[in-house]
Amino acid sequence: MLKPDGQWATLTPEDPLFEQVFDSEGQIGVVVGVSLKVKPQTYKSKPYAFSFTNPNHVRDFLKLVREWELQPTSILYFDQGYIKTTHEIAKKKAQKSLEKSGCQR
C-alpha cells in the first residue's frame, strides 16, 4: 500500500490499520497490490425468476422463503411500473438502432 506520506506499507489482516484502509476510500493510502487466498465455492448458485400478479403474492412468497429457512443471496423485485419503463427504453433504443441502420418499419 502506498500511504499519503509516500511510504510503502505491507498490511496483513492482523494489522490494526487493515480494516480502516477498506473504509477510507483512499484517504489512508492506495492499495497497489494484493495476495488473495481463494477458497473453493462450497455451494451451488442458480438464478430463478418468478412472476407474480400483485405485490401481495410477492409478500406471501417471501413469507414462505422465510418459513422454509431458505437463504437466497439476493432477491430482486421489479414492479409493473419498472417493467413498463424498462420496456419503453429498450423499445426506443431498438427503434433508434433500426433507423440508424436504414431498416425502418
N, C-alpha and C. Protein backbone atom coordinates (compact mmCIF):
# COMPACT_ATOMS: atom_id res chain seq x y z
N MET A 1 0.84 -1.16 0.00
CA MET A 1 0.00 0.00 0.00
C MET A 1 0.89 1.23 0.00
N LEU A 2 0.51 2.22 -0.77
CA LEU A 2 1.22 3.49 -0.78
C LEU A 2 0.46 4.46 0.12
N LYS A 3 1.09 4.91 1.18
CA LYS A 3 0.47 5.81 2.15
C LYS A 3 0.59 7.26 1.67
N PRO A 4 -0.25 8.16 2.18
CA PRO A 4 -0.22 9.56 1.74
C PRO A 4 1.14 10.24 1.92
N ASP A 5 1.94 9.77 2.87
CA ASP A 5 3.25 10.39 3.09
C ASP A 5 4.32 9.84 2.15
N GLY A 6 3.91 8.97 1.20
CA GLY A 6 4.84 8.41 0.23
C GLY A 6 5.52 7.13 0.69
N GLN A 7 5.22 6.70 1.88
CA GLN A 7 5.81 5.47 2.41
C GLN A 7 5.03 4.25 1.93
N TRP A 8 5.76 3.15 1.70
CA TRP A 8 5.13 1.89 1.32
C TRP A 8 4.87 1.07 2.58
N ALA A 9 3.75 0.39 2.62
CA ALA A 9 3.41 -0.45 3.77
C ALA A 9 2.82 -1.75 3.27
N THR A 10 3.15 -2.82 3.98
CA THR A 10 2.55 -4.12 3.71
C THR A 10 1.65 -4.44 4.90
N LEU A 11 0.38 -4.67 4.61
CA LEU A 11 -0.58 -4.95 5.67
C LEU A 11 -1.06 -6.37 5.60
N THR A 12 -1.34 -6.94 6.76
CA THR A 12 -1.97 -8.25 6.86
C THR A 12 -3.25 -8.06 7.66
N PRO A 13 -4.15 -9.02 7.65
CA PRO A 13 -5.40 -8.87 8.42
C PRO A 13 -5.17 -8.61 9.91
N GLU A 14 -4.01 -8.94 10.42
CA GLU A 14 -3.72 -8.74 11.84
C GLU A 14 -3.34 -7.29 12.15
N ASP A 15 -2.97 -6.51 11.15
CA ASP A 15 -2.56 -5.13 11.38
C ASP A 15 -3.74 -4.27 11.80
N PRO A 16 -3.56 -3.37 12.79
CA PRO A 16 -4.66 -2.51 13.24
C PRO A 16 -5.21 -1.61 12.12
N LEU A 17 -4.37 -1.24 11.18
CA LEU A 17 -4.77 -0.34 10.09
C LEU A 17 -5.56 -1.07 8.99
N PHE A 18 -5.51 -2.39 8.99
CA PHE A 18 -6.08 -3.19 7.90
C PHE A 18 -7.55 -2.85 7.63
N GLU A 19 -8.40 -2.91 8.64
CA GLU A 19 -9.84 -2.65 8.44
C GLU A 19 -10.09 -1.21 8.04
N GLN A 20 -9.32 -0.28 8.59
CA GLN A 20 -9.52 1.14 8.30
C GLN A 20 -9.24 1.47 6.85
N VAL A 21 -8.29 0.78 6.24
CA VAL A 21 -7.94 1.04 4.85
C VAL A 21 -9.14 0.82 3.94
N PHE A 22 -9.93 -0.21 4.21
CA PHE A 22 -11.05 -0.54 3.33
C PHE A 22 -12.22 0.43 3.47
N ASP A 23 -12.26 1.17 4.57
CA ASP A 23 -13.33 2.15 4.76
C ASP A 23 -12.88 3.57 4.45
N SER A 24 -11.63 3.76 4.05
CA SER A 24 -11.08 5.11 3.92
C SER A 24 -11.25 5.73 2.54
N GLU A 25 -11.66 4.94 1.55
CA GLU A 25 -11.83 5.43 0.18
C GLU A 25 -10.57 6.13 -0.33
N GLY A 26 -9.41 5.57 0.00
CA GLY A 26 -8.15 6.09 -0.50
C GLY A 26 -7.51 7.17 0.35
N GLN A 27 -8.14 7.57 1.45
CA GLN A 27 -7.58 8.63 2.27
C GLN A 27 -6.40 8.15 3.11
N ILE A 28 -6.39 6.89 3.51
CA ILE A 28 -5.29 6.35 4.31
C ILE A 28 -4.16 5.86 3.41
N GLY A 29 -4.48 5.52 2.20
CA GLY A 29 -3.49 5.04 1.27
C GLY A 29 -4.15 4.36 0.09
N VAL A 30 -3.32 4.01 -0.88
CA VAL A 30 -3.83 3.37 -2.08
C VAL A 30 -3.27 1.95 -2.14
N VAL A 31 -4.16 0.99 -2.27
CA VAL A 31 -3.74 -0.41 -2.40
C VAL A 31 -3.24 -0.60 -3.83
N VAL A 32 -2.00 -1.03 -3.95
CA VAL A 32 -1.41 -1.19 -5.28
C VAL A 32 -1.16 -2.65 -5.63
N GLY A 33 -1.41 -3.54 -4.69
CA GLY A 33 -1.24 -4.96 -4.96
C GLY A 33 -1.82 -5.77 -3.81
N VAL A 34 -2.27 -6.97 -4.13
CA VAL A 34 -2.83 -7.83 -3.08
C VAL A 34 -2.45 -9.28 -3.35
N SER A 35 -2.44 -10.05 -2.28
CA SER A 35 -2.32 -11.51 -2.37
C SER A 35 -3.59 -12.07 -1.75
N LEU A 36 -4.30 -12.87 -2.50
CA LEU A 36 -5.57 -13.43 -2.02
C LEU A 36 -5.45 -14.93 -1.82
N LYS A 37 -6.11 -15.39 -0.78
CA LYS A 37 -6.29 -16.83 -0.60
C LYS A 37 -7.73 -17.10 -1.00
N VAL A 38 -7.91 -17.89 -2.02
CA VAL A 38 -9.24 -18.15 -2.54
C VAL A 38 -9.70 -19.52 -2.08
N LYS A 39 -10.90 -19.54 -1.54
CA LYS A 39 -11.50 -20.81 -1.10
C LYS A 39 -12.41 -21.33 -2.20
N PRO A 40 -12.50 -22.64 -2.33
CA PRO A 40 -13.42 -23.18 -3.34
C PRO A 40 -14.87 -22.86 -2.95
N GLN A 41 -15.69 -22.67 -3.96
CA GLN A 41 -17.10 -22.41 -3.70
C GLN A 41 -17.72 -23.66 -3.10
N THR A 42 -18.40 -23.49 -1.99
CA THR A 42 -18.95 -24.64 -1.28
C THR A 42 -20.45 -24.80 -1.47
N TYR A 43 -21.00 -24.04 -2.37
CA TYR A 43 -22.44 -24.15 -2.62
C TYR A 43 -22.68 -23.94 -4.11
N LYS A 44 -23.85 -24.32 -4.55
CA LYS A 44 -24.23 -24.10 -5.94
C LYS A 44 -25.19 -22.92 -5.99
N SER A 45 -24.97 -22.10 -6.97
CA SER A 45 -25.80 -20.92 -7.12
C SER A 45 -26.55 -21.02 -8.44
N LYS A 46 -27.85 -20.87 -8.37
CA LYS A 46 -28.67 -20.91 -9.58
C LYS A 46 -29.66 -19.74 -9.54
N PRO A 47 -29.76 -19.00 -10.62
CA PRO A 47 -30.75 -17.93 -10.66
C PRO A 47 -32.13 -18.50 -10.97
N TYR A 48 -33.12 -17.95 -10.34
CA TYR A 48 -34.51 -18.32 -10.60
C TYR A 48 -35.30 -17.04 -10.82
N ALA A 49 -36.28 -17.09 -11.68
CA ALA A 49 -37.15 -15.95 -11.93
C ALA A 49 -38.59 -16.36 -11.64
N PHE A 50 -39.29 -15.53 -10.92
CA PHE A 50 -40.70 -15.78 -10.60
C PHE A 50 -41.51 -14.58 -11.03
N SER A 51 -42.72 -14.82 -11.43
CA SER A 51 -43.61 -13.75 -11.84
C SER A 51 -44.84 -13.77 -10.94
N PHE A 52 -45.21 -12.60 -10.43
CA PHE A 52 -46.36 -12.51 -9.54
C PHE A 52 -47.32 -11.47 -10.09
N THR A 53 -48.60 -11.69 -9.88
CA THR A 53 -49.60 -10.78 -10.43
C THR A 53 -49.81 -9.53 -9.58
N ASN A 54 -49.42 -9.58 -8.30
CA ASN A 54 -49.56 -8.39 -7.47
C ASN A 54 -48.59 -8.46 -6.27
N PRO A 55 -48.36 -7.32 -5.62
CA PRO A 55 -47.40 -7.27 -4.51
C PRO A 55 -47.76 -8.20 -3.34
N ASN A 56 -49.04 -8.47 -3.15
CA ASN A 56 -49.43 -9.36 -2.05
C ASN A 56 -48.89 -10.77 -2.28
N HIS A 57 -48.85 -11.21 -3.53
CA HIS A 57 -48.30 -12.53 -3.82
C HIS A 57 -46.80 -12.58 -3.56
N VAL A 58 -46.14 -11.45 -3.83
CA VAL A 58 -44.70 -11.37 -3.52
C VAL A 58 -44.51 -11.51 -2.01
N ARG A 59 -45.29 -10.77 -1.24
CA ARG A 59 -45.21 -10.84 0.22
C ARG A 59 -45.44 -12.27 0.71
N ASP A 60 -46.44 -12.94 0.17
CA ASP A 60 -46.73 -14.32 0.58
C ASP A 60 -45.58 -15.26 0.24
N PHE A 61 -44.99 -15.06 -0.94
CA PHE A 61 -43.86 -15.89 -1.34
C PHE A 61 -42.68 -15.68 -0.40
N LEU A 62 -42.40 -14.42 -0.06
CA LEU A 62 -41.27 -14.15 0.83
C LEU A 62 -41.50 -14.72 2.22
N LYS A 63 -42.74 -14.76 2.66
CA LYS A 63 -43.04 -15.41 3.94
C LYS A 63 -42.69 -16.90 3.87
N LEU A 64 -43.01 -17.53 2.73
CA LEU A 64 -42.68 -18.95 2.56
C LEU A 64 -41.17 -19.16 2.52
N VAL A 65 -40.46 -18.27 1.87
CA VAL A 65 -38.99 -18.37 1.83
C VAL A 65 -38.45 -18.37 3.25
N ARG A 66 -38.95 -17.49 4.08
CA ARG A 66 -38.52 -17.41 5.48
C ARG A 66 -38.93 -18.68 6.23
N GLU A 67 -40.19 -19.12 6.02
CA GLU A 67 -40.70 -20.31 6.70
C GLU A 67 -39.89 -21.55 6.33
N TRP A 68 -39.49 -21.66 5.09
CA TRP A 68 -38.72 -22.81 4.62
C TRP A 68 -37.24 -22.70 4.96
N GLU A 69 -36.87 -21.58 5.60
CA GLU A 69 -35.50 -21.32 6.02
C GLU A 69 -34.52 -21.32 4.84
N LEU A 70 -35.00 -20.82 3.71
CA LEU A 70 -34.12 -20.65 2.55
C LEU A 70 -33.27 -19.40 2.78
N GLN A 71 -32.10 -19.37 2.20
CA GLN A 71 -31.22 -18.23 2.38
C GLN A 71 -30.69 -17.75 1.03
N PRO A 72 -31.54 -17.11 0.25
CA PRO A 72 -31.08 -16.60 -1.05
C PRO A 72 -30.04 -15.50 -0.84
N THR A 73 -29.09 -15.41 -1.76
CA THR A 73 -28.08 -14.36 -1.66
C THR A 73 -28.64 -13.01 -2.07
N SER A 74 -29.67 -13.02 -2.90
CA SER A 74 -30.32 -11.76 -3.27
C SER A 74 -31.71 -12.05 -3.80
N ILE A 75 -32.56 -11.07 -3.65
CA ILE A 75 -33.91 -11.12 -4.22
C ILE A 75 -34.16 -9.76 -4.86
N LEU A 76 -34.52 -9.76 -6.12
CA LEU A 76 -34.83 -8.52 -6.82
C LEU A 76 -36.32 -8.51 -7.14
N TYR A 77 -36.95 -7.39 -6.92
CA TYR A 77 -38.36 -7.24 -7.23
C TYR A 77 -38.53 -6.08 -8.19
N PHE A 78 -39.11 -6.34 -9.34
CA PHE A 78 -39.39 -5.30 -10.31
C PHE A 78 -40.90 -5.12 -10.40
N ASP A 79 -41.39 -3.96 -10.01
CA ASP A 79 -42.83 -3.74 -10.07
C ASP A 79 -43.25 -3.44 -11.51
N GLN A 80 -44.54 -3.38 -11.72
CA GLN A 80 -45.09 -3.22 -13.06
C GLN A 80 -44.60 -1.92 -13.72
N GLY A 81 -44.51 -0.86 -12.93
CA GLY A 81 -44.04 0.41 -13.48
C GLY A 81 -42.60 0.32 -13.97
N TYR A 82 -41.75 -0.37 -13.22
CA TYR A 82 -40.35 -0.55 -13.63
C TYR A 82 -40.27 -1.34 -14.93
N ILE A 83 -41.03 -2.42 -15.01
CA ILE A 83 -41.02 -3.27 -16.21
C ILE A 83 -41.48 -2.46 -17.41
N LYS A 84 -42.54 -1.68 -17.25
CA LYS A 84 -43.06 -0.87 -18.35
C LYS A 84 -42.03 0.16 -18.80
N THR A 85 -41.42 0.86 -17.86
CA THR A 85 -40.42 1.88 -18.19
C THR A 85 -39.22 1.24 -18.89
N THR A 86 -38.74 0.12 -18.37
CA THR A 86 -37.61 -0.58 -18.97
C THR A 86 -37.94 -1.02 -20.39
N HIS A 87 -39.15 -1.51 -20.60
CA HIS A 87 -39.58 -1.92 -21.94
C HIS A 87 -39.59 -0.73 -22.90
N GLU A 88 -40.10 0.40 -22.45
CA GLU A 88 -40.16 1.59 -23.31
C GLU A 88 -38.75 2.07 -23.68
N ILE A 89 -37.83 2.03 -22.74
CA ILE A 89 -36.45 2.44 -23.03
C ILE A 89 -35.83 1.50 -24.06
N ALA A 90 -36.01 0.19 -23.86
CA ALA A 90 -35.45 -0.79 -24.80
C ALA A 90 -36.07 -0.63 -26.18
N LYS A 91 -37.36 -0.36 -26.21
CA LYS A 91 -38.06 -0.17 -27.48
C LYS A 91 -37.52 1.04 -28.24
N LYS A 92 -37.29 2.14 -27.52
CA LYS A 92 -36.74 3.35 -28.15
C LYS A 92 -35.32 3.11 -28.66
N LYS A 93 -34.51 2.39 -27.87
CA LYS A 93 -33.14 2.08 -28.31
C LYS A 93 -33.16 1.22 -29.56
N ALA A 94 -34.05 0.24 -29.60
CA ALA A 94 -34.15 -0.64 -30.77
C ALA A 94 -34.60 0.15 -31.99
N GLN A 95 -35.55 1.07 -31.80
CA GLN A 95 -36.04 1.88 -32.90
C GLN A 95 -34.93 2.77 -33.45
N LYS A 96 -34.14 3.39 -32.56
CA LYS A 96 -33.02 4.23 -33.00
C LYS A 96 -32.00 3.40 -33.77
N SER A 97 -31.75 2.19 -33.30
CA SER A 97 -30.80 1.31 -33.97
C SER A 97 -31.30 0.96 -35.37
N LEU A 98 -32.60 0.68 -35.48
CA LEU A 98 -33.17 0.38 -36.79
C LEU A 98 -33.08 1.58 -37.72
N GLU A 99 -33.38 2.76 -37.19
CA GLU A 99 -33.31 3.97 -38.01
C GLU A 99 -31.89 4.23 -38.48
N LYS A 100 -30.94 4.02 -37.60
CA LYS A 100 -29.54 4.25 -37.94
C LYS A 100 -29.07 3.27 -39.02
N SER A 101 -29.58 2.04 -38.98
CA SER A 101 -29.17 1.04 -39.98
C SER A 101 -29.94 1.17 -41.28
N GLY A 102 -30.98 2.00 -41.29
CA GLY A 102 -31.77 2.18 -42.50
C GLY A 102 -32.86 1.14 -42.67
N CYS A 103 -33.12 0.36 -41.64
CA CYS A 103 -34.13 -0.71 -41.70
C CYS A 103 -35.34 -0.32 -40.87
N GLN A 104 -36.05 0.70 -41.29
CA GLN A 104 -37.24 1.14 -40.56
C GLN A 104 -38.44 0.29 -40.94
N ARG A 105 -39.41 0.31 -40.06
CA ARG A 105 -40.66 -0.43 -40.33
C ARG A 105 -41.46 0.27 -41.37
